[in-house]
């Protein structure tokens, strides 16, 4: 009878590293997210820029708690950088759904999709850089799974 040898379970370290980062991707995307006033206000600005061609968030008004009112219009009171950065992924999702004949995406789906490009991919790239520079998967795992990086 052959004795179990753990080293033969994974024949390629590259496969192990790839599997780790794939599982981190799934964990990041599956992690429960609470709807917060921070991201709803920013996403409202992204919707306004793409869907309405304006910077005001009148379409949600006081439903978004973080707003400022000026000249009879509602505006987000958040720095607009992340809203601007969310425009390309939102446009990609919107275009894909239109080309495939699907109905427009809801806020939850948009948030998940935009999060892949704004949070998950940059975090995984940073974790991969840590692994590439140090050669230690444990350091990348600590960064990806045991820091505030996980939340965002």
N, C-alpha and C. Protein backbone atom coordinates (compact mmCIF):
# COMPACT_ATOMS: atom_id res chain seq x y z
N UNK A 1 0.84 -1.18 0.00
CA UNK A 1 0.00 0.00 0.00
C UNK A 1 0.88 1.24 0.00
N UNK A 2 0.50 2.20 -0.86
CA UNK A 2 1.25 3.44 -0.97
C UNK A 2 0.93 4.38 0.18
N UNK A 3 1.95 4.98 0.72
CA UNK A 3 1.77 5.91 1.82
C UNK A 3 1.43 7.30 1.28
N UNK A 4 0.49 7.99 1.97
CA UNK A 4 0.08 9.34 1.57
C UNK A 4 1.24 10.31 1.75
N UNK A 5 1.54 11.06 0.69
CA UNK A 5 2.59 12.07 0.75
C UNK A 5 1.98 13.41 0.35
N UNK A 6 1.91 14.37 1.27
CA UNK A 6 1.29 15.65 0.98
C UNK A 6 1.94 16.40 -0.18
N UNK A 7 3.23 16.22 -0.36
CA UNK A 7 3.94 16.95 -1.41
C UNK A 7 3.45 16.56 -2.80
N UNK A 8 2.92 15.36 -2.95
CA UNK A 8 2.46 14.94 -4.26
C UNK A 8 1.04 15.44 -4.58
N UNK A 9 0.39 16.03 -3.59
CA UNK A 9 -0.95 16.57 -3.83
C UNK A 9 -0.92 17.68 -4.87
N UNK A 10 0.03 18.56 -4.74
CA UNK A 10 0.17 19.67 -5.69
C UNK A 10 1.49 19.48 -6.42
N UNK A 11 1.39 19.17 -7.68
CA UNK A 11 2.60 18.90 -8.46
C UNK A 11 3.30 20.19 -8.88
N UNK A 12 2.56 21.27 -8.95
CA UNK A 12 3.14 22.52 -9.40
C UNK A 12 2.86 23.64 -8.39
N UNK A 13 3.91 24.29 -7.89
CA UNK A 13 3.68 25.42 -6.99
C UNK A 13 2.89 26.54 -7.68
N UNK A 14 3.05 26.66 -8.98
CA UNK A 14 2.30 27.70 -9.71
C UNK A 14 0.81 27.42 -9.64
N UNK A 15 0.45 26.16 -9.69
CA UNK A 15 -0.96 25.78 -9.58
C UNK A 15 -1.51 26.15 -8.21
N UNK A 16 -0.72 25.91 -7.17
CA UNK A 16 -1.12 26.27 -5.81
C UNK A 16 -1.32 27.78 -5.67
N UNK A 17 -0.39 28.55 -6.20
CA UNK A 17 -0.49 30.01 -6.14
C UNK A 17 -1.71 30.48 -6.93
N UNK A 18 -1.90 29.94 -8.12
CA UNK A 18 -3.06 30.32 -8.92
C UNK A 18 -4.36 29.96 -8.23
N UNK A 19 -4.42 28.80 -7.63
CA UNK A 19 -5.61 28.38 -6.89
C UNK A 19 -5.87 29.30 -5.70
N UNK A 20 -4.80 29.67 -4.99
CA UNK A 20 -4.95 30.58 -3.85
C UNK A 20 -5.55 31.91 -4.29
N UNK A 21 -5.02 32.51 -5.35
CA UNK A 21 -5.53 33.80 -5.79
C UNK A 21 -6.94 33.68 -6.36
N UNK A 22 -7.26 32.58 -7.00
CA UNK A 22 -8.62 32.36 -7.48
C UNK A 22 -9.60 32.26 -6.31
N UNK A 23 -9.22 31.52 -5.28
CA UNK A 23 -10.07 31.41 -4.09
C UNK A 23 -10.22 32.75 -3.38
N UNK A 24 -9.15 33.53 -3.36
CA UNK A 24 -9.25 34.88 -2.78
C UNK A 24 -10.22 35.74 -3.59
N UNK A 25 -10.17 35.61 -4.92
CA UNK A 25 -11.11 36.35 -5.77
C UNK A 25 -12.54 35.98 -5.40
N UNK A 26 -12.81 34.69 -5.29
CA UNK A 26 -14.16 34.25 -4.93
C UNK A 26 -14.55 34.74 -3.54
N UNK A 27 -13.62 34.67 -2.60
CA UNK A 27 -13.92 35.12 -1.24
C UNK A 27 -14.19 36.62 -1.19
N UNK A 28 -13.42 37.38 -1.93
CA UNK A 28 -13.62 38.83 -1.96
C UNK A 28 -14.99 39.17 -2.54
N UNK A 29 -15.36 38.50 -3.61
CA UNK A 29 -16.62 38.81 -4.26
C UNK A 29 -17.80 38.27 -3.48
N UNK A 30 -17.61 37.20 -2.75
CA UNK A 30 -18.71 36.60 -2.00
C UNK A 30 -18.89 37.21 -0.62
N UNK A 31 -17.92 37.99 -0.19
CA UNK A 31 -18.01 38.58 1.15
C UNK A 31 -19.23 39.49 1.23
N UNK A 32 -20.01 39.36 2.30
CA UNK A 32 -21.20 40.21 2.42
C UNK A 32 -20.82 41.68 2.58
N UNK A 33 -21.54 42.50 1.88
CA UNK A 33 -21.29 43.94 1.95
C UNK A 33 -22.55 44.63 2.46
N UNK A 34 -22.35 45.48 3.39
CA UNK A 34 -23.47 46.28 3.86
C UNK A 34 -23.59 47.51 2.97
N UNK A 35 -24.80 47.85 2.64
CA UNK A 35 -25.00 49.08 1.88
C UNK A 35 -24.69 50.23 2.81
N UNK A 36 -23.83 51.11 2.37
CA UNK A 36 -23.46 52.24 3.21
C UNK A 36 -23.68 53.53 2.45
N UNK A 37 -23.80 54.59 3.22
CA UNK A 37 -24.00 55.89 2.59
C UNK A 37 -22.78 56.30 1.78
N UNK A 38 -21.61 55.79 2.14
CA UNK A 38 -20.40 56.15 1.40
C UNK A 38 -20.46 55.68 -0.04
N UNK A 39 -20.71 54.41 -0.25
CA UNK A 39 -20.67 53.93 -1.63
C UNK A 39 -21.95 54.26 -2.40
N UNK A 40 -23.09 54.39 -1.74
CA UNK A 40 -24.30 54.72 -2.49
C UNK A 40 -24.23 56.13 -3.05
N UNK A 41 -23.64 57.04 -2.31
CA UNK A 41 -23.49 58.40 -2.79
C UNK A 41 -22.52 58.46 -3.98
N UNK A 42 -21.45 57.71 -3.88
CA UNK A 42 -20.47 57.68 -4.97
C UNK A 42 -21.05 57.00 -6.22
N UNK A 43 -21.77 55.92 -6.00
CA UNK A 43 -22.38 55.21 -7.14
C UNK A 43 -23.48 56.06 -7.78
N UNK A 44 -24.17 56.85 -6.98
CA UNK A 44 -25.20 57.75 -7.53
C UNK A 44 -24.56 58.75 -8.49
N UNK A 45 -23.36 59.24 -8.15
CA UNK A 45 -22.66 60.17 -9.05
C UNK A 45 -22.25 59.45 -10.33
N UNK A 46 -21.78 58.22 -10.21
CA UNK A 46 -21.42 57.45 -11.41
C UNK A 46 -22.64 57.27 -12.32
N UNK A 47 -23.77 56.89 -11.73
CA UNK A 47 -25.00 56.77 -12.51
C UNK A 47 -25.36 58.09 -13.18
N UNK A 48 -25.26 59.18 -12.45
CA UNK A 48 -25.62 60.49 -13.00
C UNK A 48 -24.73 60.85 -14.18
N UNK A 49 -23.43 60.61 -14.06
CA UNK A 49 -22.51 60.96 -15.15
C UNK A 49 -22.77 60.12 -16.39
N UNK A 50 -22.97 58.81 -16.20
CA UNK A 50 -23.14 57.92 -17.35
C UNK A 50 -24.55 58.00 -17.93
N UNK A 51 -25.55 57.92 -17.07
CA UNK A 51 -26.93 57.81 -17.54
C UNK A 51 -27.57 59.15 -17.89
N UNK A 52 -27.16 60.20 -17.18
CA UNK A 52 -27.83 61.49 -17.37
C UNK A 52 -26.90 62.60 -17.86
N UNK A 53 -25.60 62.34 -17.89
CA UNK A 53 -24.64 63.34 -18.37
C UNK A 53 -24.54 64.56 -17.48
N UNK A 54 -24.70 64.39 -16.19
CA UNK A 54 -24.66 65.51 -15.25
C UNK A 54 -23.92 65.08 -13.98
N UNK A 55 -23.60 66.06 -13.15
CA UNK A 55 -22.93 65.76 -11.88
C UNK A 55 -23.88 65.82 -10.70
N UNK A 56 -25.10 66.24 -10.91
CA UNK A 56 -26.04 66.28 -9.79
C UNK A 56 -26.66 64.90 -9.61
N UNK A 57 -27.07 64.62 -8.38
CA UNK A 57 -27.68 63.33 -8.07
C UNK A 57 -29.15 63.53 -7.73
N UNK A 58 -29.80 64.41 -8.48
CA UNK A 58 -31.21 64.68 -8.24
C UNK A 58 -32.08 63.44 -8.39
N UNK A 59 -31.64 62.47 -9.19
CA UNK A 59 -32.44 61.26 -9.41
C UNK A 59 -32.60 60.42 -8.14
N UNK A 60 -31.73 60.62 -7.15
CA UNK A 60 -31.90 59.93 -5.88
C UNK A 60 -32.18 60.90 -4.74
N UNK A 61 -31.76 62.13 -4.89
CA UNK A 61 -32.07 63.17 -3.92
C UNK A 61 -31.74 62.80 -2.50
N UNK A 62 -32.72 62.95 -1.62
CA UNK A 62 -32.49 62.72 -0.20
C UNK A 62 -32.49 61.24 0.19
N UNK A 63 -32.74 60.34 -0.77
CA UNK A 63 -32.65 58.91 -0.47
C UNK A 63 -31.21 58.51 -0.15
N UNK A 64 -30.26 59.25 -0.71
CA UNK A 64 -28.86 59.06 -0.39
C UNK A 64 -28.55 60.05 0.73
N UNK A 65 -28.04 59.53 1.84
CA UNK A 65 -27.88 60.38 3.01
C UNK A 65 -26.71 61.35 2.93
N UNK A 66 -25.69 61.02 2.17
CA UNK A 66 -24.54 61.92 2.05
C UNK A 66 -24.70 62.77 0.81
N UNK A 67 -25.26 63.95 0.98
CA UNK A 67 -25.48 64.84 -0.14
C UNK A 67 -25.29 66.28 0.32
N UNK A 68 -25.12 67.13 -0.65
CA UNK A 68 -25.06 68.57 -0.41
C UNK A 68 -26.03 69.19 -1.40
N UNK A 69 -26.70 70.23 -0.99
CA UNK A 69 -27.67 70.88 -1.87
C UNK A 69 -27.13 72.26 -2.24
N UNK A 70 -27.14 72.54 -3.52
CA UNK A 70 -26.66 73.83 -4.00
C UNK A 70 -27.44 74.20 -5.25
N UNK A 71 -27.98 75.38 -5.27
CA UNK A 71 -28.72 75.86 -6.44
C UNK A 71 -29.91 74.99 -6.78
N UNK A 72 -30.52 74.40 -5.79
CA UNK A 72 -31.69 73.57 -6.02
C UNK A 72 -31.39 72.16 -6.50
N UNK A 73 -30.11 71.78 -6.53
CA UNK A 73 -29.72 70.44 -6.97
C UNK A 73 -29.00 69.72 -5.85
N UNK A 74 -29.10 68.39 -5.87
CA UNK A 74 -28.37 67.55 -4.91
C UNK A 74 -27.06 67.09 -5.55
N UNK A 75 -26.00 67.11 -4.75
CA UNK A 75 -24.69 66.65 -5.19
C UNK A 75 -24.12 65.74 -4.11
N UNK A 76 -23.26 64.81 -4.51
CA UNK A 76 -22.60 64.00 -3.51
C UNK A 76 -21.62 64.87 -2.74
N UNK A 77 -21.45 64.58 -1.47
CA UNK A 77 -20.47 65.34 -0.69
C UNK A 77 -19.18 64.53 -0.53
N UNK A 78 -18.99 63.56 -1.38
CA UNK A 78 -17.78 62.74 -1.38
C UNK A 78 -16.83 63.22 -2.47
N UNK A 79 -15.55 62.94 -2.27
CA UNK A 79 -14.58 63.23 -3.32
C UNK A 79 -14.95 62.42 -4.57
N UNK A 80 -14.91 63.03 -5.74
CA UNK A 80 -15.45 62.36 -6.93
C UNK A 80 -14.52 61.36 -7.61
N UNK A 81 -13.29 61.21 -7.13
CA UNK A 81 -12.33 60.35 -7.82
C UNK A 81 -12.80 58.92 -8.03
N UNK A 82 -13.34 58.30 -6.98
CA UNK A 82 -13.79 56.91 -7.14
C UNK A 82 -15.01 56.82 -8.04
N UNK A 83 -15.84 57.85 -8.05
CA UNK A 83 -16.99 57.86 -8.96
C UNK A 83 -16.53 57.96 -10.41
N UNK A 84 -15.50 58.77 -10.65
CA UNK A 84 -14.95 58.86 -12.00
C UNK A 84 -14.31 57.53 -12.41
N UNK A 85 -13.58 56.91 -11.48
CA UNK A 85 -12.92 55.64 -11.78
C UNK A 85 -13.92 54.52 -12.01
N UNK A 86 -15.12 54.64 -11.46
CA UNK A 86 -16.15 53.60 -11.63
C UNK A 86 -16.88 53.72 -12.97
N UNK A 87 -16.67 54.80 -13.69
CA UNK A 87 -17.37 55.00 -14.97
C UNK A 87 -17.01 53.90 -15.98
N UNK A 88 -15.73 53.59 -16.25
CA UNK A 88 -15.45 52.54 -17.24
C UNK A 88 -16.06 51.18 -16.92
N UNK A 89 -15.95 50.65 -15.68
CA UNK A 89 -16.60 49.36 -15.43
C UNK A 89 -18.12 49.44 -15.57
N UNK A 90 -18.71 50.55 -15.13
CA UNK A 90 -20.16 50.68 -15.25
C UNK A 90 -20.57 50.74 -16.72
N UNK A 91 -19.82 51.48 -17.52
CA UNK A 91 -20.11 51.53 -18.96
C UNK A 91 -19.94 50.16 -19.61
N UNK A 92 -18.93 49.42 -19.19
CA UNK A 92 -18.71 48.07 -19.71
C UNK A 92 -19.91 47.17 -19.40
N UNK A 93 -20.36 47.18 -18.16
CA UNK A 93 -21.52 46.38 -17.77
C UNK A 93 -22.77 46.81 -18.53
N UNK A 94 -22.98 48.11 -18.60
CA UNK A 94 -24.17 48.63 -19.27
C UNK A 94 -24.17 48.27 -20.76
N UNK A 95 -23.02 48.40 -21.41
CA UNK A 95 -22.90 48.06 -22.84
C UNK A 95 -23.09 46.57 -23.05
N UNK A 96 -22.47 45.75 -22.20
CA UNK A 96 -22.61 44.29 -22.32
C UNK A 96 -24.07 43.87 -22.21
N UNK A 97 -24.76 44.42 -21.25
CA UNK A 97 -26.17 44.03 -21.06
C UNK A 97 -27.03 44.50 -22.24
N UNK A 98 -26.72 45.67 -22.78
CA UNK A 98 -27.48 46.16 -23.93
C UNK A 98 -27.21 45.30 -25.16
N UNK A 99 -25.94 44.94 -25.39
CA UNK A 99 -25.59 44.13 -26.57
C UNK A 99 -26.15 42.71 -26.49
N UNK A 100 -26.29 42.18 -25.29
CA UNK A 100 -26.81 40.83 -25.14
C UNK A 100 -28.32 40.80 -24.93
N UNK A 101 -28.96 41.95 -25.00
CA UNK A 101 -30.41 42.02 -24.90
C UNK A 101 -30.95 41.83 -23.50
N UNK A 102 -30.13 42.03 -22.50
CA UNK A 102 -30.56 41.88 -21.11
C UNK A 102 -31.11 43.21 -20.59
N UNK A 103 -31.97 43.15 -19.60
CA UNK A 103 -32.47 44.39 -19.01
C UNK A 103 -31.35 45.11 -18.25
N UNK A 104 -31.51 46.41 -17.99
CA UNK A 104 -30.47 47.13 -17.25
C UNK A 104 -30.21 46.49 -15.89
N UNK A 105 -28.96 46.59 -15.47
CA UNK A 105 -28.56 46.00 -14.19
C UNK A 105 -29.11 46.82 -13.03
N UNK A 106 -29.43 46.13 -11.95
CA UNK A 106 -29.87 46.80 -10.74
C UNK A 106 -28.68 47.32 -9.95
N UNK A 107 -28.95 48.10 -8.92
CA UNK A 107 -27.88 48.71 -8.12
C UNK A 107 -26.97 47.66 -7.49
N UNK A 108 -27.54 46.57 -7.00
CA UNK A 108 -26.72 45.55 -6.35
C UNK A 108 -25.76 44.91 -7.35
N UNK A 109 -26.25 44.58 -8.53
CA UNK A 109 -25.39 43.98 -9.55
C UNK A 109 -24.31 44.95 -10.01
N UNK A 110 -24.68 46.22 -10.17
CA UNK A 110 -23.70 47.24 -10.56
C UNK A 110 -22.62 47.35 -9.49
N UNK A 111 -23.04 47.36 -8.23
CA UNK A 111 -22.07 47.47 -7.14
C UNK A 111 -21.10 46.30 -7.14
N UNK A 112 -21.61 45.08 -7.31
CA UNK A 112 -20.73 43.91 -7.34
C UNK A 112 -19.77 43.97 -8.52
N UNK A 113 -20.27 44.34 -9.68
CA UNK A 113 -19.43 44.38 -10.88
C UNK A 113 -18.36 45.46 -10.76
N UNK A 114 -18.76 46.64 -10.33
CA UNK A 114 -17.80 47.74 -10.18
C UNK A 114 -16.77 47.39 -9.11
N UNK A 115 -17.20 46.69 -8.06
CA UNK A 115 -16.27 46.29 -7.00
C UNK A 115 -15.17 45.38 -7.52
N UNK A 116 -15.47 44.55 -8.51
CA UNK A 116 -14.42 43.69 -9.09
C UNK A 116 -13.28 44.55 -9.63
N UNK A 117 -13.62 45.61 -10.35
CA UNK A 117 -12.60 46.45 -10.97
C UNK A 117 -11.99 47.47 -10.02
N UNK A 118 -12.77 47.92 -9.05
CA UNK A 118 -12.30 48.97 -8.15
C UNK A 118 -11.67 48.43 -6.87
N UNK A 119 -12.00 47.22 -6.48
CA UNK A 119 -11.51 46.70 -5.21
C UNK A 119 -10.81 45.36 -5.31
N UNK A 120 -11.47 44.40 -5.94
CA UNK A 120 -10.96 43.03 -5.95
C UNK A 120 -9.68 42.92 -6.78
N UNK A 121 -9.72 43.35 -8.02
CA UNK A 121 -8.54 43.22 -8.88
C UNK A 121 -7.34 44.00 -8.35
N UNK A 122 -7.51 45.28 -7.94
CA UNK A 122 -6.34 45.98 -7.37
C UNK A 122 -5.79 45.30 -6.11
N UNK A 123 -6.67 44.78 -5.26
CA UNK A 123 -6.20 44.09 -4.04
C UNK A 123 -5.44 42.82 -4.39
N UNK A 124 -5.97 42.05 -5.32
CA UNK A 124 -5.28 40.81 -5.72
C UNK A 124 -3.95 41.11 -6.40
N UNK A 125 -3.90 42.17 -7.19
CA UNK A 125 -2.63 42.56 -7.82
C UNK A 125 -1.60 42.96 -6.77
N UNK A 126 -2.03 43.70 -5.75
CA UNK A 126 -1.12 44.07 -4.67
C UNK A 126 -0.64 42.82 -3.93
N UNK A 127 -1.55 41.89 -3.66
CA UNK A 127 -1.15 40.64 -3.02
C UNK A 127 -0.18 39.84 -3.88
N UNK A 128 -0.42 39.83 -5.18
CA UNK A 128 0.49 39.11 -6.08
C UNK A 128 1.85 39.79 -6.13
N UNK A 129 1.87 41.12 -6.07
CA UNK A 129 3.16 41.83 -6.03
C UNK A 129 3.93 41.47 -4.76
N UNK A 130 3.23 41.39 -3.63
CA UNK A 130 3.88 41.00 -2.38
C UNK A 130 4.47 39.60 -2.52
N UNK A 131 3.70 38.70 -3.10
CA UNK A 131 4.19 37.34 -3.32
C UNK A 131 5.38 37.34 -4.27
N UNK A 132 5.29 38.09 -5.36
CA UNK A 132 6.37 38.12 -6.36
C UNK A 132 7.66 38.69 -5.78
N UNK A 133 7.53 39.72 -4.95
CA UNK A 133 8.73 40.36 -4.39
C UNK A 133 9.36 39.55 -3.27
N UNK A 134 8.54 38.86 -2.49
CA UNK A 134 9.07 38.13 -1.33
C UNK A 134 9.19 36.63 -1.58
N UNK A 135 8.41 36.10 -2.50
CA UNK A 135 8.40 34.67 -2.74
C UNK A 135 7.67 33.89 -1.66
N UNK A 136 6.94 34.61 -0.80
CA UNK A 136 6.24 33.94 0.31
C UNK A 136 4.74 34.15 0.16
N UNK A 137 4.05 33.07 -0.04
CA UNK A 137 2.60 33.12 -0.18
C UNK A 137 1.94 33.51 1.14
N UNK A 138 2.58 33.18 2.24
CA UNK A 138 1.98 33.51 3.54
C UNK A 138 1.87 35.02 3.73
N UNK A 139 2.84 35.78 3.27
CA UNK A 139 2.76 37.24 3.39
C UNK A 139 1.62 37.79 2.55
N UNK A 140 1.46 37.26 1.36
CA UNK A 140 0.34 37.69 0.50
C UNK A 140 -0.98 37.32 1.16
N UNK A 141 -1.04 36.13 1.77
CA UNK A 141 -2.27 35.69 2.44
C UNK A 141 -2.60 36.60 3.61
N UNK A 142 -1.60 36.98 4.38
CA UNK A 142 -1.84 37.89 5.51
C UNK A 142 -2.37 39.21 5.00
N UNK A 143 -1.75 39.75 3.96
CA UNK A 143 -2.21 41.02 3.39
C UNK A 143 -3.65 40.90 2.88
N UNK A 144 -3.93 39.85 2.14
CA UNK A 144 -5.24 39.73 1.51
C UNK A 144 -6.36 39.33 2.46
N UNK A 145 -6.04 38.54 3.47
CA UNK A 145 -7.10 37.97 4.30
C UNK A 145 -7.13 38.46 5.75
N UNK A 146 -6.11 39.20 6.15
CA UNK A 146 -6.07 39.61 7.56
C UNK A 146 -5.82 41.11 7.74
N UNK A 147 -6.10 41.88 6.73
CA UNK A 147 -5.98 43.34 6.86
C UNK A 147 -7.27 43.98 6.38
N UNK A 148 -7.31 45.29 6.48
CA UNK A 148 -8.51 46.03 6.06
C UNK A 148 -8.73 45.92 4.55
N UNK A 149 -7.73 45.45 3.84
CA UNK A 149 -7.86 45.23 2.39
C UNK A 149 -9.07 44.36 2.08
N UNK A 150 -9.35 43.39 2.97
CA UNK A 150 -10.47 42.47 2.76
C UNK A 150 -11.79 43.21 2.63
N UNK A 151 -12.00 44.24 3.41
CA UNK A 151 -13.29 44.95 3.44
C UNK A 151 -13.56 45.72 2.16
N UNK A 152 -12.52 46.20 1.52
CA UNK A 152 -12.76 47.10 0.40
C UNK A 152 -12.31 46.48 -0.89
